[in-house]
Amino acid sequence: MHLRLPDGTHTVLDGLSTVPAAGTPDIYTPLSQDWPAALEVEGRANTIGATAVAVPGNLLAWAEASRRHGRLPLADVMQPAIRLAARGYAITPYLGECLREAAPDLARDAAISALLLPGGSPLRPGDRLVQGATAETLRTIAAEGPGALHGGAIGAAVAAHVQRLGGILTSADLRDFKLEERAAVRGSYRGYEVVGPPPPSSGGVHVIQMLNILEGFDLRALGFGTAATTHLIAEALKIAFADRAAATADPAFVTVPVDRLLSKSYAVERRALLDRDRARDWQAGVAAGESPNTTHLTVADDEGHIVCATHTINSLFGARFLVPEAGLIPNNYMALFDPRPGHALSIAPGKRITTSQAPLIALRDGKPFAALGLPGGLRIFGSAMQGLIALIDHGMSLQEAVEAPRVWTQGGKGAGQALEVEAGIAPEVRAALGALGHPVTVLPHVAGGMCGIRFHADGSLEGAACWRADGTAIGLGGGLARDGVRFWPDRALPTP
C-alpha cells in the first residue's frame, strides 16, 4: 500500500505474504530448471490447495493505515463490506466468466463448491452470492481488530483447516507476522517524478528502470502503438525481467542493487546494447543476490491524501478452497517463489514474496500529477509503465491511457518468451514486430483493469477505470448545509 500524505511524504506499508516457518527451499519439485518454466511444479502444489498457502498480511496493513490516517473507527469502516457479505450481491458477467474458468479446480473442494458451484454449476450472472460465514468473520475483526486473525480464534481456525488439508501454515505463523513500513523509491522521467514501492515489490524499481532506458528515445515522435515504439518497450521489458529474476527479492534475505537499477548511468549501459532493428535475448546486468489476478484501488481526497493500493490472494480464487468456519479463501502466494534452491527468489522461512505490484504516483513540480495501478500478476508493472507513457509521452487523457492497447513479454526461454500484444495493436504492426524477431501472440487483453486518478491544476480530480475488469470511478462531494439555509426557499431571511 503506497500512501502520500498531505505534507508530501510517501510511505509504503508492506503486508506482503511470507513463507511459513516450516517452508524449505526444496518443498516443491519443479518440472523444469529453466526460468520461468521452473515456476511450474509437480502436482501444481504451489498453486492449488493447502500446500500453496503463505502467511497473509493484508489485514494488518489496512488496519494500520486506518489507525494512523483514518477518521472513523475500524468497525465503521468495515460495515459496507459486512453488509455486502451478509446480504449478498449479484454476480457480474465478468465474475461469472471467472467462475466458469476456475470451476474444475473449485470442484475439488466441497466447501467452496457449495458456495460458488451450487448444484455442481458455477453461479451465473444475476445470481446472488451470500457469504454468511464471511460476514461473521468480518464482524469479529471489526470488534477485535486484526488480532482476530493474527493470534486469535479466526487465525486458529484457518491454520487448523490448512493443516488438515496438508498445508504448513500455523497459528504461530499468523501471530508472528510483522508489518513492514518502507521508504518509497523515486525516479524521474521527462521532468516528472515517479514514486513507487521498493523491494520486495519489483514494480517501483523496474518501472523506473524501464523508463530510464526509454527516456533515451523520442517515443512521442515514434508514435503510440507503432512497431518502433512497441519494439523498444518490449526490449525494455525483457531487460527488466532479466534483472528481476536475478536480483530482486526480499531485502531481508538478499542484497538488492536498488541504486544501480534506478541509476541513469545503468540505463545508458543497457540502452547502448539495445538493437533498434532486431529483438534479442537479455541476461541480467546486475549480480544475483544468492543467499494475473489481483485487486487495485486508487483513492484521493481534497486534503492531499492519496492511497494507491494493490492487494491480492494472488491467483483467481487463491488456493481454490474455502475455510468453512471462517468463510475465507486462502491465498496461493507460494506460487511466486522460485522452487529451485539457491536463487534470489528461492523459498526460505519468513521470506516475503516478490511481486510485480506497481501502485505508482507521478508528480510534476512536486505536486501530484497522476496515481494509478492495476491487477495482472507478472504483467502489472509493464502495464503500469505503459499507462504513464501514454499520459506523459502521448498526451492521452486518463481514460484513454488506462484503456490503451498494451504489450508484454518477459523474454527468457519457453512460453514466456512470446511478445503478447492486445488485439488493439494493428495487424501491420504485429507483422512488423514479427519481422524484427519477436514471437508475437495476440491476446484479448494483457493484465487487468487499470484504474487511476489525475490531478488537475484547478484542484479537480479525474478518475478512470478500464474495460479489462469490473471497475468504477466514483467521486464524492458535498457536505452539510450552510448556516442560515432553510428548507423553504421562498421565505425571506429576517432583516438584520
Protein backbone atom coordinates (compact mmCIF):
# COMPACT_ATOMS: atom_id res chain seq x y z
CA MET A 1 0.00 0.00 0.00
CA HIS A 2 1.53 3.27 -1.21
CA LEU A 3 0.46 6.35 0.76
CA ARG A 4 1.07 10.03 0.04
CA LEU A 5 0.23 12.31 2.94
CA PRO A 6 -0.84 15.98 2.83
CA ASP A 7 2.69 17.11 3.80
CA GLY A 8 4.06 15.45 0.66
CA THR A 9 5.70 12.47 2.33
CA HIS A 10 5.38 9.00 0.83
CA THR A 11 5.42 5.71 2.70
CA VAL A 12 4.74 2.09 1.83
CA LEU A 13 3.00 -0.30 4.23
CA ASP A 14 4.19 -3.78 3.29
CA GLY A 15 1.77 -6.55 4.21
CA LEU A 16 3.08 -8.94 1.55
CA SER A 17 2.81 -12.60 2.42
CA THR A 18 5.71 -14.62 3.84
CA VAL A 19 6.83 -18.24 3.76
CA PRO A 20 5.56 -20.25 6.76
CA ALA A 21 8.22 -21.27 9.29
CA ALA A 22 8.12 -24.85 8.01
CA GLY A 23 8.86 -23.81 4.41
CA THR A 24 12.10 -25.11 2.88
CA PRO A 25 13.84 -24.39 -0.45
CA ASP A 26 13.09 -27.90 -1.75
CA ILE A 27 9.47 -28.17 -0.65
CA TYR A 28 8.35 -28.42 -4.31
CA THR A 29 9.68 -30.33 -7.31
CA PRO A 30 9.97 -28.05 -10.37
CA LEU A 31 9.13 -29.53 -13.75
CA SER A 32 11.99 -27.62 -15.40
CA GLN A 33 15.24 -25.97 -14.37
CA ASP A 34 14.78 -23.18 -16.93
CA TRP A 35 13.30 -19.82 -15.89
CA PRO A 36 10.38 -19.03 -15.93
CA ALA A 37 9.20 -22.58 -16.70
CA ALA A 38 10.61 -23.63 -13.31
CA LEU A 39 7.65 -21.99 -11.60
CA GLU A 40 5.52 -24.99 -12.58
CA VAL A 41 5.89 -27.83 -10.05
CA GLU A 42 4.69 -31.39 -9.67
CA GLY A 43 1.00 -31.64 -8.86
CA ARG A 44 0.63 -27.83 -9.06
CA ALA A 45 1.39 -27.96 -5.34
CA ASN A 46 2.46 -24.30 -5.23
CA THR A 47 -0.72 -23.03 -6.90
CA ILE A 48 -3.64 -25.25 -5.82
CA GLY A 49 -4.60 -26.46 -2.37
CA ALA A 50 -3.25 -26.10 1.14
CA THR A 51 0.42 -26.53 0.19
CA ALA A 52 0.21 -23.26 -1.78
CA VAL A 53 -0.78 -21.08 1.20
CA ALA A 54 1.63 -18.43 2.50
CA VAL A 55 1.23 -16.28 5.63
CA PRO A 56 -1.15 -13.37 4.83
CA GLY A 57 -0.55 -9.78 5.94
CA ASN A 58 -3.02 -7.57 4.05
CA LEU A 59 -5.33 -7.14 7.03
CA LEU A 60 -2.56 -5.73 9.20
CA ALA A 61 -1.65 -3.16 6.54
CA TRP A 62 -5.23 -1.98 6.07
CA ALA A 63 -5.86 -1.78 9.82
CA GLU A 64 -2.64 0.16 10.42
CA ALA A 65 -3.44 2.64 7.64
CA SER A 66 -6.88 3.15 9.15
CA ARG A 67 -5.45 3.59 12.65
CA ARG A 68 -2.87 6.16 11.59
CA HIS A 69 -4.70 8.17 8.98
CA GLY A 70 -8.40 7.34 9.13
CA ARG A 71 -11.10 9.32 10.91
CA LEU A 72 -13.59 6.53 11.51
CA PRO A 73 -13.27 3.51 13.80
CA LEU A 74 -12.34 0.28 12.04
CA ALA A 75 -15.75 -1.14 12.92
CA ASP A 76 -17.47 1.67 10.99
CA VAL A 77 -15.11 1.36 8.04
CA MET A 78 -15.92 -2.35 7.72
CA GLN A 79 -19.71 -2.03 7.78
CA PRO A 80 -20.20 -1.79 3.99
CA ALA A 81 -18.18 -4.98 3.46
CA ILE A 82 -20.13 -6.74 6.20
CA ARG A 83 -23.44 -5.72 4.61
CA LEU A 84 -22.34 -6.95 1.18
CA ALA A 85 -21.26 -10.30 2.56
CA ALA A 86 -24.41 -10.75 4.67
CA ARG A 87 -27.00 -9.52 2.16
CA GLY A 88 -25.19 -10.71 -0.92
CA TYR A 89 -24.53 -9.14 -4.29
CA ALA A 90 -25.27 -10.02 -7.90
CA ILE A 91 -22.73 -11.96 -9.91
CA THR A 92 -21.47 -9.80 -12.79
CA PRO A 93 -20.72 -11.24 -16.25
CA TYR A 94 -17.00 -10.80 -15.54
CA LEU A 95 -17.18 -12.71 -12.24
CA GLY A 96 -19.38 -15.34 -13.85
CA GLU A 97 -16.75 -15.96 -16.52
CA CYS A 98 -14.06 -16.18 -13.84
CA LEU A 99 -16.10 -18.83 -12.04
CA ARG A 100 -16.51 -20.84 -15.23
CA GLU A 101 -12.77 -20.75 -15.87
CA ALA A 102 -11.90 -21.86 -12.34
CA ALA A 103 -14.73 -24.40 -11.92
CA PRO A 104 -12.63 -27.58 -12.46
CA ASP A 105 -10.30 -26.61 -9.60
CA LEU A 106 -13.07 -25.25 -7.36
CA ALA A 107 -14.96 -28.53 -7.74
CA ARG A 108 -12.17 -30.32 -5.87
CA ASP A 109 -13.15 -28.66 -2.58
CA ALA A 110 -16.58 -29.37 -1.08
CA ALA A 111 -16.87 -26.12 0.87
CA ILE A 112 -16.02 -23.74 -1.96
CA SER A 113 -18.12 -25.82 -4.37
CA ALA A 114 -21.18 -25.42 -2.14
CA LEU A 115 -20.69 -21.66 -2.17
CA LEU A 116 -19.70 -20.96 -5.77
CA LEU A 117 -20.83 -24.06 -7.69
CA PRO A 118 -24.25 -24.82 -6.15
CA GLY A 119 -25.71 -27.96 -7.69
CA GLY A 120 -22.42 -28.52 -9.48
CA SER A 121 -22.66 -25.49 -11.79
CA PRO A 122 -20.99 -22.09 -11.41
CA LEU A 123 -23.11 -19.16 -10.28
CA ARG A 124 -24.35 -17.24 -13.30
CA PRO A 125 -24.60 -13.51 -13.96
CA GLY A 126 -27.50 -12.14 -11.93
CA ASP A 127 -27.33 -14.88 -9.28
CA ARG A 128 -26.89 -13.60 -5.75
CA LEU A 129 -23.81 -14.58 -3.76
CA VAL A 130 -24.39 -14.51 0.01
CA GLN A 131 -21.42 -15.15 2.31
CA GLY A 132 -22.79 -15.51 5.81
CA ALA A 133 -19.67 -17.04 7.35
CA THR A 134 -17.54 -14.29 5.80
CA ALA A 135 -19.84 -11.66 7.30
CA GLU A 136 -19.40 -13.21 10.76
CA THR A 137 -15.62 -13.20 10.35
CA LEU A 138 -15.69 -9.54 9.32
CA ARG A 139 -17.86 -8.70 12.33
CA THR A 140 -15.33 -10.37 14.60
CA ILE A 141 -12.46 -8.45 13.03
CA ALA A 142 -14.45 -5.21 13.30
CA ALA A 143 -14.88 -5.85 17.03
CA GLU A 144 -11.46 -7.30 17.87
CA GLY A 145 -9.17 -5.82 15.25
CA PRO A 146 -6.61 -7.66 13.11
CA GLY A 147 -5.55 -9.73 16.11
CA ALA A 148 -8.59 -11.89 15.47
CA LEU A 149 -6.71 -13.36 12.51
CA HIS A 150 -3.17 -12.79 13.72
CA GLY A 151 -3.19 -14.69 17.01
CA GLY A 152 -6.93 -15.07 17.64
CA ALA A 153 -9.68 -17.59 17.06
CA ILE A 154 -10.12 -16.87 13.36
CA GLY A 155 -6.43 -17.45 12.73
CA ALA A 156 -6.55 -20.69 14.69
CA ALA A 157 -9.47 -21.92 12.57
CA VAL A 158 -7.71 -21.01 9.32
CA ALA A 159 -4.44 -22.66 10.33
CA ALA A 160 -6.17 -25.81 11.57
CA HIS A 161 -8.09 -26.22 8.33
CA VAL A 162 -4.99 -25.63 6.18
CA GLN A 163 -3.10 -28.25 8.17
CA ARG A 164 -5.94 -30.77 7.88
CA LEU A 165 -5.59 -30.44 4.12
CA GLY A 166 -1.82 -30.98 4.21
CA GLY A 167 -0.52 -27.41 4.36
CA ILE A 168 2.18 -25.97 6.63
CA LEU A 169 0.61 -22.68 7.79
CA THR A 170 0.35 -22.48 11.61
CA SER A 171 -1.27 -20.20 14.17
CA ALA A 172 2.23 -19.14 15.20
CA ASP A 173 2.96 -18.02 11.62
CA LEU A 174 -0.11 -15.79 11.71
CA ARG A 175 0.65 -14.48 15.20
CA ASP A 176 4.28 -13.67 14.38
CA PHE A 177 3.70 -11.89 11.05
CA LYS A 178 5.32 -8.44 11.09
CA LEU A 179 4.06 -5.50 9.06
CA GLU A 180 6.92 -3.55 7.47
CA GLU A 181 7.00 0.16 6.69
CA ARG A 182 9.32 1.04 3.83
CA ALA A 183 10.56 4.16 2.08
CA ALA A 184 9.24 4.55 -1.45
CA VAL A 185 11.65 4.51 -4.39
CA ARG A 186 11.89 7.53 -6.67
CA GLY A 187 12.99 8.24 -10.19
CA SER A 188 12.46 10.82 -12.90
CA TYR A 189 11.10 10.69 -16.44
CA ARG A 190 10.94 13.66 -18.79
CA GLY A 191 10.53 16.16 -15.95
CA TYR A 192 8.09 14.05 -13.93
CA GLU A 193 8.96 12.34 -10.66
CA VAL A 194 7.79 8.73 -10.41
CA VAL A 195 7.30 7.24 -6.93
CA GLY A 196 6.59 3.59 -6.25
CA PRO A 197 7.05 0.67 -3.85
CA PRO A 198 10.52 -0.72 -3.06
CA PRO A 199 11.57 -4.39 -2.91
CA PRO A 200 10.29 -6.94 -2.24
CA SER A 201 7.79 -5.43 -4.67
CA SER A 202 9.51 -5.22 -8.02
CA GLY A 203 7.10 -2.72 -9.54
CA GLY A 204 8.60 0.57 -8.42
CA VAL A 205 12.24 -0.26 -9.13
CA HIS A 206 11.70 -1.86 -12.52
CA VAL A 207 9.17 0.68 -13.80
CA ILE A 208 11.72 3.41 -13.10
CA GLN A 209 14.48 1.27 -14.65
CA MET A 210 12.48 0.83 -17.87
CA LEU A 211 11.52 4.50 -18.02
CA ASN A 212 15.20 5.41 -17.66
CA ILE A 213 16.01 3.20 -20.65
CA LEU A 214 13.15 4.54 -22.77
CA GLU A 215 13.92 8.16 -21.88
CA GLY A 216 16.73 7.99 -24.42
CA PHE A 217 14.23 7.61 -27.27
CA ASP A 218 11.67 10.10 -28.58
CA LEU A 219 8.58 7.96 -28.09
CA ARG A 220 6.24 10.83 -28.92
CA ALA A 221 7.83 11.22 -32.35
CA LEU A 222 7.85 7.46 -32.92
CA GLY A 223 4.12 7.38 -32.18
CA PHE A 224 1.84 5.32 -29.98
CA GLY A 225 1.36 1.69 -30.95
CA THR A 226 3.88 1.73 -33.80
CA ALA A 227 6.28 -1.14 -34.38
CA ALA A 228 9.24 1.09 -33.46
CA THR A 229 7.77 2.15 -30.11
CA THR A 230 6.44 -1.31 -29.27
CA HIS A 231 9.81 -2.91 -30.06
CA LEU A 232 11.57 -0.55 -27.65
CA ILE A 233 9.02 -1.22 -24.91
CA ALA A 234 9.38 -4.98 -25.44
CA GLU A 235 13.17 -4.83 -25.17
CA ALA A 236 12.96 -2.69 -22.02
CA LEU A 237 10.58 -5.25 -20.51
CA LYS A 238 12.98 -8.10 -21.26
CA ILE A 239 15.88 -6.20 -19.70
CA ALA A 240 13.87 -5.53 -16.56
CA PHE A 241 12.69 -9.12 -16.22
CA ALA A 242 16.23 -10.47 -16.64
CA ASP A 243 17.39 -8.24 -13.78
CA ARG A 244 14.30 -9.00 -11.70
CA ALA A 245 14.84 -12.76 -11.90
CA ALA A 246 18.48 -12.41 -10.87
CA ALA A 247 18.41 -9.85 -8.11
CA THR A 248 15.02 -8.61 -6.87
CA ALA A 249 13.70 -10.35 -3.76
CA ASP A 250 13.06 -9.78 -0.06
CA PRO A 251 15.81 -7.35 1.06
CA ALA A 252 15.93 -9.12 4.43
CA PHE A 253 17.36 -12.16 2.63
CA VAL A 254 19.28 -10.81 -0.37
CA THR A 255 21.08 -7.58 -1.22
CA VAL A 256 19.01 -5.94 -3.94
CA PRO A 257 21.11 -3.47 -6.02
CA VAL A 258 18.39 -0.81 -5.93
CA ASP A 259 20.68 2.17 -6.51
CA ARG A 260 22.22 0.61 -9.61
CA LEU A 261 18.87 -0.47 -11.03
CA LEU A 262 17.50 3.06 -10.56
CA SER A 263 20.54 4.89 -11.89
CA LYS A 264 20.54 6.77 -15.19
CA SER A 265 24.08 5.51 -15.87
CA TYR A 266 22.95 1.88 -15.71
CA ALA A 267 20.14 2.72 -18.13
CA VAL A 268 22.73 4.16 -20.52
CA GLU A 269 24.72 0.90 -20.34
CA ARG A 270 21.67 -1.23 -21.11
CA ARG A 271 20.33 1.13 -23.77
CA ALA A 272 23.65 1.00 -25.64
CA LEU A 273 23.16 -2.75 -26.11
CA LEU A 274 19.63 -2.41 -27.46
CA ASP A 275 19.26 -3.11 -31.18
CA ARG A 276 16.52 -0.97 -32.72
CA ASP A 277 16.30 -3.30 -35.71
CA ARG A 278 16.24 -6.69 -34.03
CA ALA A 279 14.81 -8.42 -30.96
CA ARG A 280 17.45 -10.03 -28.77
CA ASP A 281 17.88 -12.18 -25.69
CA TRP A 282 18.94 -10.46 -22.48
CA GLN A 283 20.90 -11.62 -19.47
CA ALA A 284 20.91 -9.87 -16.12
CA GLY A 285 23.17 -6.84 -15.92
CA VAL A 286 23.32 -6.98 -12.11
CA ALA A 287 24.72 -9.66 -9.83
CA ALA A 288 22.34 -12.24 -8.40
CA GLY A 289 21.80 -11.86 -4.65
CA GLU A 290 22.24 -15.53 -3.72
CA SER A 291 21.73 -16.39 -0.20
CA PRO A 292 -2.81 -12.28 -13.02
CA ASN A 293 -5.34 -11.72 -10.69
CA THR A 294 -5.25 -9.03 -8.11
CA THR A 295 -7.26 -6.03 -6.92
CA HIS A 296 -6.18 -2.40 -7.13
CA LEU A 297 -7.78 0.81 -5.94
CA THR A 298 -6.67 4.42 -6.04
CA VAL A 299 -8.24 6.96 -3.68
CA ALA A 300 -7.57 10.67 -3.11
CA ASP A 301 -9.22 13.46 -1.15
CA ASP A 302 -9.19 17.24 -1.16
CA GLU A 303 -6.73 17.38 1.74
CA GLY A 304 -3.86 15.75 -0.15
CA HIS A 305 -4.14 12.13 0.95
CA ILE A 306 -3.56 9.55 -1.78
CA VAL A 307 -3.89 5.81 -1.27
CA CYS A 308 -2.63 3.70 -4.15
CA ALA A 309 -3.09 0.10 -3.07
CA THR A 310 -2.73 -3.28 -4.70
CA HIS A 311 -3.82 -6.27 -2.63
CA THR A 312 -4.37 -9.86 -3.59
CA ILE A 313 -4.64 -13.54 -2.73
CA ASN A 314 -2.50 -14.00 -5.87
CA SER A 315 -4.44 -16.14 -8.35
CA LEU A 316 -8.12 -16.05 -9.16
CA PHE A 317 -9.80 -17.54 -6.05
CA GLY A 318 -6.40 -18.02 -4.42
CA ALA A 319 -5.62 -21.63 -3.48
CA ARG A 320 -9.15 -22.53 -4.61
CA PHE A 321 -10.51 -23.89 -1.38
CA LEU A 322 -12.60 -22.39 1.42
CA VAL A 323 -12.12 -22.42 5.18
CA PRO A 324 -15.78 -23.08 6.03
CA GLU A 325 -15.54 -21.97 9.67
CA ALA A 326 -14.33 -18.52 8.60
CA GLY A 327 -15.73 -18.12 5.10
CA LEU A 328 -12.26 -17.21 3.84
CA ILE A 329 -10.44 -18.30 0.68
CA PRO A 330 -6.69 -18.59 1.43
CA ASN A 331 -4.02 -17.19 -0.87
CA ASN A 332 -1.73 -19.22 -3.13
CA TYR A 333 1.23 -16.88 -2.80
CA MET A 334 3.79 -19.70 -2.61
CA ALA A 335 3.47 -19.80 -6.41
CA LEU A 336 5.57 -16.62 -6.63
CA PHE A 337 8.71 -18.18 -5.15
CA ASP A 338 11.39 -19.93 -7.18
CA PRO A 339 11.09 -23.65 -6.35
CA ARG A 340 14.77 -24.14 -7.24
CA PRO A 341 17.15 -23.75 -4.27
CA GLY A 342 19.96 -21.23 -4.45
CA HIS A 343 18.30 -18.32 -6.25
CA ALA A 344 17.21 -14.82 -5.20
CA LEU A 345 13.55 -15.86 -5.18
CA SER A 346 14.11 -19.27 -3.56
CA ILE A 347 11.97 -20.32 -0.60
CA ALA A 348 13.12 -19.64 2.98
CA PRO A 349 11.17 -19.45 6.27
CA GLY A 350 9.80 -15.95 6.84
CA LYS A 351 10.83 -14.68 3.40
CA ARG A 352 8.47 -12.19 1.79
CA ILE A 353 7.14 -12.83 -1.66
CA THR A 354 8.34 -10.67 -4.53
CA THR A 355 5.51 -9.24 -6.58
CA SER A 356 5.08 -7.11 -9.67
CA GLN A 357 2.67 -4.78 -7.89
CA ALA A 358 3.13 -1.19 -9.02
CA PRO A 359 0.97 1.32 -7.14
CA LEU A 360 2.54 4.40 -8.72
CA ILE A 361 2.23 8.12 -8.05
CA ALA A 362 3.68 10.57 -10.58
CA LEU A 363 4.49 14.15 -9.59
CA ARG A 364 5.03 17.30 -11.62
CA ASP A 365 6.87 20.16 -9.90
CA GLY A 366 6.39 18.36 -6.60
CA LYS A 367 2.61 18.14 -6.94
CA PRO A 368 0.57 15.03 -7.75
CA PHE A 369 0.02 14.53 -11.47
CA ALA A 370 -1.45 11.02 -11.57
CA ALA A 371 -1.82 7.91 -9.42
CA LEU A 372 -2.54 4.53 -10.95
CA GLY A 373 -2.23 0.78 -10.63
CA LEU A 374 -3.80 -2.46 -11.75
CA PRO A 375 -4.03 -6.22 -11.20
CA GLY A 376 -2.38 -8.69 -13.52
CA GLY A 377 0.40 -10.70 -11.86
CA LEU A 378 3.72 -10.53 -13.70
CA ARG A 379 2.17 -8.19 -16.26
CA ILE A 380 1.42 -5.44 -13.74
CA PHE A 381 4.49 -3.23 -13.75
CA GLY A 382 4.97 -3.33 -17.52
CA SER A 383 1.36 -2.27 -17.98
CA ALA A 384 1.64 0.47 -15.35
CA MET A 385 4.69 1.82 -17.15
CA GLN A 386 2.75 1.89 -20.43
CA GLY A 387 -0.01 3.83 -18.68
CA LEU A 388 2.48 6.50 -17.62
CA ILE A 389 3.99 6.64 -21.12
CA ALA A 390 0.52 7.11 -22.60
CA LEU A 391 -0.07 10.08 -20.28
CA ILE A 392 3.37 11.70 -20.45
CA ASP A 393 4.69 10.94 -23.94
CA HIS A 394 1.49 10.66 -25.93
CA GLY A 395 -0.65 13.25 -24.13
CA MET A 396 -3.63 10.95 -23.66
CA SER A 397 -6.47 11.64 -21.30
CA LEU A 398 -6.60 9.42 -18.23
CA GLN A 399 -9.44 7.35 -19.69
CA GLU A 400 -7.53 6.87 -22.94
CA ALA A 401 -4.37 5.93 -21.04
CA VAL A 402 -5.94 3.21 -18.89
CA GLU A 403 -7.70 1.72 -21.93
CA ALA A 404 -4.84 2.00 -24.44
CA PRO A 405 -3.67 -1.27 -26.06
CA ARG A 406 -0.82 -2.97 -24.18
CA VAL A 407 2.02 -5.38 -24.86
CA TRP A 408 4.06 -7.60 -22.57
CA THR A 409 6.98 -10.01 -22.56
CA GLN A 410 9.49 -11.26 -20.04
CA GLY A 411 11.89 -12.84 -22.52
CA GLY A 412 13.68 -15.96 -21.34
CA LYS A 413 13.02 -19.45 -22.67
CA GLY A 414 9.80 -21.24 -23.46
CA ALA A 415 6.32 -19.70 -23.41
CA GLY A 416 7.42 -16.60 -21.50
CA GLN A 417 9.49 -15.56 -24.49
CA ALA A 418 6.42 -14.58 -26.52
CA LEU A 419 5.58 -10.92 -27.10
CA GLU A 420 1.95 -10.69 -26.06
CA VAL A 421 0.02 -7.97 -27.84
CA GLU A 422 -3.59 -6.99 -27.44
CA ALA A 423 -5.96 -7.18 -30.38
CA GLY A 424 -5.96 -3.36 -30.46
CA ILE A 425 -2.41 -3.41 -31.85
CA ALA A 426 -2.78 -3.09 -35.63
CA PRO A 427 -2.15 -6.21 -37.76
CA GLU A 428 0.56 -4.45 -39.77
CA VAL A 429 2.36 -3.55 -36.54
CA ARG A 430 2.20 -7.18 -35.39
CA ALA A 431 3.69 -8.26 -38.72
CA ALA A 432 6.49 -5.70 -38.41
CA LEU A 433 7.26 -6.88 -34.87
CA GLY A 434 7.47 -10.45 -36.14
CA ALA A 435 9.92 -9.32 -38.80
CA LEU A 436 12.08 -7.81 -36.03
CA GLY A 437 12.29 -11.24 -34.41
CA HIS A 438 9.55 -11.03 -31.79
CA PRO A 439 7.42 -14.20 -31.44
CA VAL A 440 4.07 -12.37 -31.40
CA THR A 441 0.99 -13.79 -29.67
CA VAL A 442 -2.32 -11.90 -29.88
CA LEU A 443 -4.41 -11.94 -26.69
CA PRO A 444 -7.81 -10.43 -25.83
CA HIS A 445 -6.14 -8.41 -23.08
CA VAL A 446 -2.82 -8.00 -21.26
CA ALA A 447 -3.06 -7.74 -17.46
CA GLY A 448 -6.17 -6.48 -15.70
CA GLY A 449 -8.27 -3.40 -15.23
CA MET A 450 -6.17 -0.30 -14.60
CA CYS A 451 -7.69 2.45 -12.51
CA GLY A 452 -6.29 5.82 -11.69
CA ILE A 453 -6.76 9.43 -10.67
CA ARG A 454 -5.43 12.51 -12.43
CA PHE A 455 -4.88 15.71 -10.51
CA HIS A 456 -5.58 18.97 -12.33
CA ALA A 457 -4.14 22.41 -11.62
CA ASP A 458 -7.54 23.81 -10.58
CA GLY A 459 -7.79 21.23 -7.78
CA SER A 460 -10.26 18.96 -9.55
CA LEU A 461 -9.75 15.20 -9.68
CA GLU A 462 -10.42 12.96 -12.67
CA GLY A 463 -10.97 9.23 -12.20
CA ALA A 464 -10.94 6.40 -14.71
CA ALA A 465 -11.21 2.61 -14.85
CA CYS A 466 -10.79 0.37 -17.89
CA TRP A 467 -12.66 -2.45 -19.61
CA ARG A 468 -10.30 -5.27 -18.65
CA ALA A 469 -12.09 -5.97 -15.34
CA ASP A 470 -15.04 -4.75 -13.30
CA GLY A 471 -14.20 -1.27 -12.05
CA THR A 472 -15.83 2.11 -11.50
CA ALA A 473 -14.62 5.66 -10.96
CA ILE A 474 -16.58 7.31 -8.13
CA GLY A 475 -16.50 10.92 -6.95
CA LEU A 476 -17.97 12.02 -3.65
CA GLY A 477 -18.70 15.63 -2.83
CA GLY A 478 -21.00 17.87 -0.88
CA GLY A 479 -21.44 18.35 2.85
CA LEU A 480 -23.67 19.99 5.42
CA ALA A 481 -25.91 22.93 4.55
CA ARG A 482 -24.54 26.41 5.10
CA ASP A 483 -25.56 28.33 8.18
CA GLY A 484 -28.86 30.11 7.67
CA VAL A 485 -30.16 27.88 4.87
CA ARG A 486 -33.77 26.72 5.45
CA PHE A 487 -35.97 24.15 3.75
CA TRP A 488 -38.44 26.76 2.40
CA PRO A 489 -36.64 28.75 -0.30
CA ASP A 490 -39.50 31.27 -0.65
CA ARG A 491 -39.22 32.54 2.91
CA ALA A 492 -37.16 35.67 3.06
CA LEU A 493 -34.39 35.92 5.61
CA PRO A 494 -35.09 38.29 8.51
CA THR A 495 -33.82 41.84 8.05
CA PRO A 496 -30.72 42.48 10.17
